[in-house]
Amino acid sequence: MINEIYIALLACPVAIAAGFGFIALHKRRSDFVLRKWAAENHFELLHSERCFASGPFCWLTSSKTTVFLVTVRDPKNRERSGWVRCGSCFEGVLFSDRAEVKWKEQ
């Protein structure tokens, strides 16, 4: 009985640490995919923030993906704003480098 209590007391901090580790990994991968997308498209990333309302991806996203509201500068020195969804709905951001953008109308 006492051994079971000790095991339970040890399991709680391990589970909490694993949860925080997963959140940190998800955040790090999301940032990586966003920066990779910007570099591949020759954009200078001026501003980015996580968008919890998901913008135009509202019905097309999952908890495995991350949506950013971004402002970028393109090679012609024009600024554009829009939403970038990082990861795929099935693989999430941890296993996919996919990024999809929907620009705001200007």
Protein backbone atom coordinates (compact mmCIF):
# COMPACT_ATOMS: atom_id res chain seq x y z
CA MET A 1 0.00 0.00 0.00
CA ILE A 2 2.75 2.46 0.95
CA ASN A 3 4.74 1.56 -2.19
CA GLU A 4 1.70 2.38 -4.33
CA ILE A 5 1.42 5.81 -2.68
CA TYR A 6 5.10 6.53 -3.35
CA ILE A 7 4.71 5.46 -6.96
CA ALA A 8 1.69 7.74 -7.36
CA LEU A 9 3.55 10.64 -5.75
CA LEU A 10 6.48 10.14 -8.13
CA ALA A 11 4.27 9.70 -11.20
CA CYS A 12 2.53 13.08 -10.82
CA PRO A 13 5.64 15.27 -11.21
CA VAL A 14 6.88 13.09 -14.05
CA ALA A 15 3.55 13.47 -15.88
CA ILE A 16 3.53 17.24 -15.29
CA ALA A 17 7.13 17.58 -16.53
CA ALA A 18 6.30 15.50 -19.62
CA GLY A 19 3.31 17.77 -20.33
CA PHE A 20 5.41 20.92 -20.09
CA GLY A 21 8.09 19.28 -22.24
CA PHE A 22 5.52 18.47 -24.93
CA ILE A 23 4.22 22.06 -24.89
CA ALA A 24 7.75 23.44 -25.22
CA LEU A 25 8.52 21.06 -28.09
CA HIS A 26 5.30 22.02 -29.88
CA LYS A 27 6.12 25.73 -29.51
CA ARG A 28 9.69 25.25 -30.72
CA ARG A 29 8.62 23.23 -33.78
CA SER A 30 5.91 25.80 -34.61
CA ASP A 31 8.46 28.62 -34.54
CA PHE A 32 10.86 26.55 -36.69
CA VAL A 33 8.20 25.79 -39.33
CA LEU A 34 7.14 29.46 -39.46
CA ARG A 35 10.72 30.70 -39.91
CA LYS A 36 11.42 28.01 -42.52
CA TRP A 37 8.31 29.05 -44.47
CA ALA A 38 9.40 32.70 -44.37
CA ALA A 39 12.95 31.87 -45.52
CA GLU A 40 11.79 29.58 -48.35
CA ASN A 41 9.48 32.32 -49.65
CA HIS A 42 12.12 35.06 -49.25
CA PHE A 43 10.04 36.94 -46.68
CA GLU A 44 11.44 39.02 -43.86
CA LEU A 45 9.33 38.14 -40.83
CA LEU A 46 8.46 41.49 -39.22
CA HIS A 47 5.89 40.33 -36.67
CA SER A 48 4.31 37.07 -35.60
CA GLU A 49 1.93 36.09 -32.85
CA ARG A 50 0.05 32.92 -32.11
CA CYS A 51 -3.58 33.23 -33.10
CA PHE A 52 -5.87 31.18 -30.87
CA ALA A 53 -9.02 32.08 -32.82
CA SER A 54 -7.32 30.53 -35.91
CA GLY A 55 -8.46 33.28 -38.30
CA PRO A 56 -9.59 31.88 -41.66
CA PHE A 57 -8.45 28.39 -40.58
CA CYS A 58 -11.13 28.29 -37.87
CA TRP A 59 -12.87 25.13 -39.15
CA LEU A 60 -9.81 23.64 -40.85
CA THR A 61 -7.34 23.32 -38.01
CA SER A 62 -6.65 20.99 -35.11
CA SER A 63 -4.86 21.18 -31.80
CA LYS A 64 -1.87 19.58 -33.54
CA THR A 65 -1.26 22.69 -35.66
CA THR A 66 -0.38 26.29 -34.80
CA VAL A 67 -1.78 29.37 -36.51
CA PHE A 68 0.20 32.61 -36.52
CA LEU A 69 -0.92 36.11 -37.45
CA VAL A 70 2.08 37.48 -39.35
CA THR A 71 3.39 40.58 -41.05
CA VAL A 72 6.15 40.04 -43.60
CA ARG A 73 8.16 42.07 -46.09
CA ASP A 74 8.52 40.50 -49.53
CA PRO A 75 11.53 40.84 -51.88
CA LYS A 76 9.87 43.84 -53.56
CA ASN A 77 9.81 45.62 -50.18
CA ARG A 78 6.02 45.36 -49.79
CA GLU A 79 4.48 44.51 -46.44
CA ARG A 80 1.76 41.88 -46.26
CA SER A 81 -0.26 40.46 -43.38
CA GLY A 82 -2.04 37.18 -43.04
CA TRP A 83 -2.36 33.91 -41.20
CA VAL A 84 0.07 31.01 -41.46
CA ARG A 85 -0.98 27.54 -40.32
CA CYS A 86 2.02 25.40 -39.39
CA GLY A 87 1.75 21.62 -39.55
CA SER A 88 -0.84 19.38 -41.13
CA CYS A 89 -4.17 18.37 -39.62
CA PHE A 90 -3.16 14.70 -39.43
CA GLU A 91 0.57 14.86 -38.65
CA GLY A 92 0.53 18.09 -36.69
CA VAL A 93 3.48 20.42 -36.40
CA LEU A 94 5.69 17.81 -34.73
CA PHE A 95 5.88 15.60 -37.82
CA SER A 96 5.21 18.01 -40.68
CA ASP A 97 7.01 21.10 -42.00
CA ARG A 98 3.94 22.11 -43.98
CA ALA A 99 2.88 25.77 -43.82
CA GLU A 100 -0.15 27.31 -45.49
CA VAL A 101 -0.84 31.03 -45.73
CA LYS A 102 -4.04 33.01 -46.21
CA TRP A 103 -3.35 36.68 -46.87
CA LYS A 104 -5.48 39.54 -45.59
CA GLU A 105 -7.06 41.54 -48.36
CA GLN A 106 -5.28 44.85 -48.83
